C-alpha atoms as a PDB file:
ATOM      1  CA  UNK A   1      96.654 114.360  97.320  1.00  0.00           C
ATOM      2  CA  UNK A   2      97.007 112.349 100.474  1.00  0.00           C
ATOM      3  CA  UNK A   3     100.545 112.175 102.049  1.00  0.00           C
ATOM      4  CA  UNK A   4     101.230 109.833 104.867  1.00  0.00           C
ATOM      5  CA  UNK A   5     103.906 111.344 107.037  1.00  0.00           C
ATOM      6  CA  UNK A   6     106.754 109.637 108.686  1.00  0.00           C
ATOM      7  CA  UNK A   7     106.894 109.672 112.548  1.00  0.00           C
ATOM      8  CA  UNK A   8     109.894 111.527 113.641  1.00  0.00           C
ATOM      9  CA  UNK A   9     111.171 111.295 117.192  1.00  0.00           C
ATOM     10  CA  UNK A  10     110.643 114.327 119.442  1.00  0.00           C
ATOM     11  CA  UNK A  11     113.586 116.584 120.393  1.00  0.00           C
ATOM     12  CA  UNK A  12     113.455 115.203 123.923  1.00  0.00           C
ATOM     13  CA  UNK A  13     112.200 111.668 123.595  1.00  0.00           C
ATOM     14  CA  UNK A  14     111.070 109.792 126.789  1.00  0.00           C
ATOM     15  CA  UNK A  15     113.242 107.168 128.429  1.00  0.00           C
ATOM     16  CA  UNK A  16     112.916 103.766 126.676  1.00  0.00           C
ATOM     17  CA  UNK A  17     110.851 102.364 129.315  1.00  0.00           C
ATOM     18  CA  UNK A  18     108.313 104.942 129.013  1.00  0.00           C
ATOM     19  CA  UNK A  19     107.906 104.811 125.122  1.00  0.00           C
ATOM     20  CA  UNK A  20     104.908 103.444 123.645  1.00  0.00           C
ATOM     21  CA  UNK A  21     104.693 101.919 120.184  1.00  0.00           C
ATOM     22  CA  UNK A  22     102.081 103.410 117.859  1.00  0.00           C
ATOM     23  CA  UNK A  23     100.598 100.294 116.196  1.00  0.00           C
ATOM     24  CA  UNK A  24      98.040 102.290 114.123  1.00  0.00           C
ATOM     25  CA  UNK A  25     100.736 103.414 111.570  1.00  0.00           C
ATOM     26  CA  UNK A  26     101.378 101.149 108.536  1.00  0.00           C
ATOM     27  CA  UNK A  27     104.752  99.395 108.487  1.00  0.00           C
ATOM     28  CA  UNK A  28     105.408 100.616 104.971  1.00  0.00           C
ATOM     29  CA  UNK A  29     104.979 104.472 104.502  1.00  0.00           C
ATOM     30  CA  UNK A  30     103.207 105.611 101.354  1.00  0.00           C
ATOM     31  CA  UNK A  31     104.593 108.955 100.277  1.00  0.00           C
ATOM     32  CA  UNK A  32     102.012 109.425  97.505  1.00  0.00           C
ATOM     33  CA  UNK A  33      98.646 108.119  97.425  1.00  0.00           C
ATOM     34  CA  UNK A  34      95.939 109.723  95.086  1.00  0.00           C
ATOM     35  CA  UNK A  35      93.259 108.957  92.421  1.00  0.00           C
ATOM     36  CA  UNK A  36      93.642 109.799  88.901  1.00  0.00           C
ATOM     37  CA  UNK A  37      90.226 109.975  87.474  1.00  0.00           C
ATOM     38  CA  UNK A  38      89.824 110.704  83.717  1.00  0.00           C
ATOM     39  CA  UNK A  39      86.289 111.092  82.337  1.00  0.00           C
ATOM     40  CA  UNK A  40      85.226 110.973  78.676  1.00  0.00           C
ATOM     41  CA  UNK A  41      82.082 110.702  76.931  1.00  0.00           C
ATOM     42  CA  UNK A  42      81.589 107.241  75.438  1.00  0.00           C
ATOM     43  CA  UNK A  43      79.792 106.547  72.061  1.00  0.00           C
ATOM     44  CA  UNK A  44      76.412 106.659  73.720  1.00  0.00           C
ATOM     45  CA  UNK A  45      77.015 109.995  75.328  1.00  0.00           C
ATOM     46  CA  UNK A  46      77.631 108.659  78.864  1.00  0.00           C
ATOM     47  CA  UNK A  47      80.504 109.881  81.177  1.00  0.00           C
ATOM     48  CA  UNK A  48      83.024 106.974  81.575  1.00  0.00           C
ATOM     49  CA  UNK A  49      85.882 107.407  84.172  1.00  0.00           C
ATOM     50  CA  UNK A  50      89.059 105.421  84.072  1.00  0.00           C
ATOM     51  CA  UNK A  51      89.862 105.036  87.734  1.00  0.00           C
ATOM     52  CA  UNK A  52      93.642 104.749  88.381  1.00  0.00           C
ATOM     53  CA  UNK A  53      95.380 104.671  91.832  1.00  0.00           C
ATOM     54  CA  UNK A  54      98.657 106.614  92.039  1.00  0.00           C
ATOM     55  CA  UNK A  55     100.941 104.975  94.629  1.00  0.00           C
ATOM     56  CA  UNK A  56     104.348 106.487  95.061  1.00  0.00           C
ATOM     57  CA  UNK A  57     105.843 106.184  91.614  1.00  0.00           C
ATOM     58  CA  UNK A  58     103.369 103.645  90.243  1.00  0.00           C
ATOM     59  CA  UNK A  59     100.026 104.166  88.342  1.00  0.00           C
ATOM     60  CA  UNK A  60      97.695 101.233  88.899  1.00  0.00           C
ATOM     61  CA  UNK A  61      94.568 100.966  86.736  1.00  0.00           C
ATOM     62  CA  UNK A  62      91.638  99.924  88.817  1.00  0.00           C
ATOM     63  CA  UNK A  63      88.545  99.940  86.626  1.00  0.00           C
ATOM     64  CA  UNK A  64      86.290 101.891  84.335  1.00  0.00           C
ATOM     65  CA  UNK A  65      83.086 103.144  85.768  1.00  0.00           C
ATOM     66  CA  UNK A  66      80.288 105.702  84.826  1.00  0.00           C
ATOM     67  CA  UNK A  67      80.637 109.233  86.139  1.00  0.00           C
ATOM     68  CA  UNK A  68      83.192 108.781  89.053  1.00  0.00           C
ATOM     69  CA  UNK A  69      84.705 111.638  91.129  1.00  0.00           C
ATOM     70  CA  UNK A  70      86.534 111.903  94.406  1.00  0.00           C
ATOM     71  CA  UNK A  71      84.501 111.665  97.606  1.00  0.00           C
ATOM     72  CA  UNK A  72      85.558 113.892 100.416  1.00  0.00           C
ATOM     73  CA  UNK A  73      86.191 112.326 103.942  1.00  0.00           C
ATOM     74  CA  UNK A  74      83.291 114.292 105.371  1.00  0.00           C
ATOM     75  CA  UNK A  75      80.928 112.438 103.002  1.00  0.00           C
ATOM     76  CA  UNK A  76      82.145 109.052 103.633  1.00  0.00           C
ATOM     77  CA  UNK A  77      79.208 108.085 105.982  1.00  0.00           C
ATOM     78  CA  UNK A  78      76.764 108.943 103.063  1.00  0.00           C
ATOM     79  CA  UNK A  79      78.247 105.937 101.204  1.00  0.00           C
ATOM     80  CA  UNK A  80      79.037 103.559 104.100  1.00  0.00           C
ATOM     81  CA  UNK A  81      82.694 104.172 103.697  1.00  0.00           C
ATOM     82  CA  UNK A  82      84.648 103.590 106.945  1.00  0.00           C
ATOM     83  CA  UNK A  83      86.307 106.576 108.493  1.00  0.00           C
ATOM     84  CA  UNK A  84      89.719 104.732 108.187  1.00  0.00           C
ATOM     85  CA  UNK A  85      89.486 104.783 104.447  1.00  0.00           C
ATOM     86  CA  UNK A  86      92.596 106.591 102.876  1.00  0.00           C
ATOM     87  CA  UNK A  87      90.713 107.717  99.759  1.00  0.00           C
ATOM     88  CA  UNK A  88      87.260 107.254  98.200  1.00  0.00           C
ATOM     89  CA  UNK A  89      85.708 107.775  94.771  1.00  0.00           C
ATOM     90  CA  UNK A  90      82.445 107.004  93.099  1.00  0.00           C
ATOM     91  CA  UNK A  91      79.401 108.252  91.136  1.00  0.00           C
ATOM     92  CA  UNK A  92      75.788 107.697  90.059  1.00  0.00           C
ATOM     93  CA  UNK A  93      74.599 107.649  86.569  1.00  0.00           C
ATOM     94  CA  UNK A  94      71.380 106.363  84.976  1.00  0.00           C
ATOM     95  CA  UNK A  95      70.133 104.522  88.129  1.00  0.00           C
ATOM     96  CA  UNK A  96      73.234 102.956  89.178  1.00  0.00           C
ATOM     97  CA  UNK A  97      76.446 103.763  91.044  1.00  0.00           C
ATOM     98  CA  UNK A  98      79.857 102.497  91.573  1.00  0.00           C
ATOM     99  CA  UNK A  99      81.752 103.361  94.776  1.00  0.00           C
ATOM    100  CA  UNK A 100      85.344 102.750  95.764  1.00  0.00           C
ATOM    101  CA  UNK A 101      87.539 103.172  98.749  1.00  0.00           C
ATOM    102  CA  UNK A 102      91.164 102.383  99.722  1.00  0.00           C
ATOM    103  CA  UNK A 103      92.413 101.144 103.061  1.00  0.00           C
ATOM    104  CA  UNK A 104      95.686  99.859 104.135  1.00  0.00           C
ATOM    105  CA  UNK A 105      96.964  96.864 106.124  1.00  0.00           C
ATOM    106  CA  UNK A 106     100.569  96.412 107.158  1.00  0.00           C
ATOM    107  CA  UNK A 107     101.947  95.862 103.779  1.00  0.00           C
ATOM    108  CA  UNK A 108      99.292  96.388 101.206  1.00  0.00           C
ATOM    109  CA  UNK A 109      96.600  98.644 100.025  1.00  0.00           C
ATOM    110  CA  UNK A 110      93.133  97.215  99.363  1.00  0.00           C
ATOM    111  CA  UNK A 111      90.620  98.487  96.865  1.00  0.00           C
ATOM    112  CA  UNK A 112      87.035  98.027  97.966  1.00  0.00           C
ATOM    113  CA  UNK A 113      84.055  98.358  95.563  1.00  0.00           C
ATOM    114  CA  UNK A 114      80.241  98.437  95.850  1.00  0.00           C
ATOM    115  CA  UNK A 115      77.556  98.583  93.300  1.00  0.00           C
ATOM    116  CA  UNK A 116      74.252 100.364  94.147  1.00  0.00           C
ATOM    117  CA  UNK A 117      71.160 100.285  91.844  1.00  0.00           C
ATOM    118  CA  UNK A 118      67.874 101.964  92.063  1.00  0.00           C
ATOM    119  CA  UNK A 119      66.167  98.493  91.505  1.00  0.00           C
ATOM    120  CA  UNK A 120      67.772  96.653  94.307  1.00  0.00           C
ATOM    121  CA  UNK A 121      65.652  95.495  97.185  1.00  0.00           C
ATOM    122  CA  UNK A 122      65.013  98.137  99.961  1.00  0.00           C
ATOM    123  CA  UNK A 123      67.271  97.532 102.992  1.00  0.00           C
ATOM    124  CA  UNK A 124      70.180  96.451 100.853  1.00  0.00           C
ATOM    125  CA  UNK A 125      72.949  99.123 100.620  1.00  0.00           C
ATOM    126  CA  UNK A 126      76.540  99.372  99.969  1.00  0.00           C
ATOM    127  CA  UNK A 127      77.970  95.885 100.118  1.00  0.00           C
ATOM    128  CA  UNK A 128      81.683  96.436  99.557  1.00  0.00           C
ATOM    129  CA  UNK A 129      84.140  93.767  98.452  1.00  0.00           C
ATOM    130  CA  UNK A 130      87.863  93.769  97.918  1.00  0.00           C
ATOM    131  CA  UNK A 131      88.572  93.902  94.137  1.00  0.00           C
ATOM    132  CA  UNK A 132      92.303  94.515  94.218  1.00  0.00           C
ATOM    133  CA  UNK A 133      95.234  94.425  96.593  1.00  0.00           C
ATOM    134  CA  UNK A 134      98.359  96.318  96.015  1.00  0.00           C
ATOM    135  CA  UNK A 135     101.600  95.174  97.774  1.00  0.00           C
ATOM    136  CA  UNK A 136     103.597  97.912  99.086  1.00  0.00           C
ATOM    137  CA  UNK A 137     107.306  97.791  98.333  1.00  0.00           C
END
């Protein structure tokens, strides 16, 4: 589970003229952000995963993919996932893979998706595109 903390003022804050604004923090805090990945075997014996994003008190279905699991931040580079991603998931099954990551703008979360196939031309890789945006309340 990823928790985005609030920024609390220090006990002895600097005078107003010396304070700097941290623009890297999102304007709308997200107290709960995590994947819910439920994998079951389909009629053909393949693992299908329902990928749901849990955002605060909401569960948002993203997509069904084959064999997805969470990707650790230390492995992001292996899947061309940017270091600023908040979460990532994906998996490979029978010659193809679906990969997802979440990032955040000022007031929304964006779900990025890439499909990688063993038959795609060499030199092409993870071409992520935004498949869903979630407005933060």
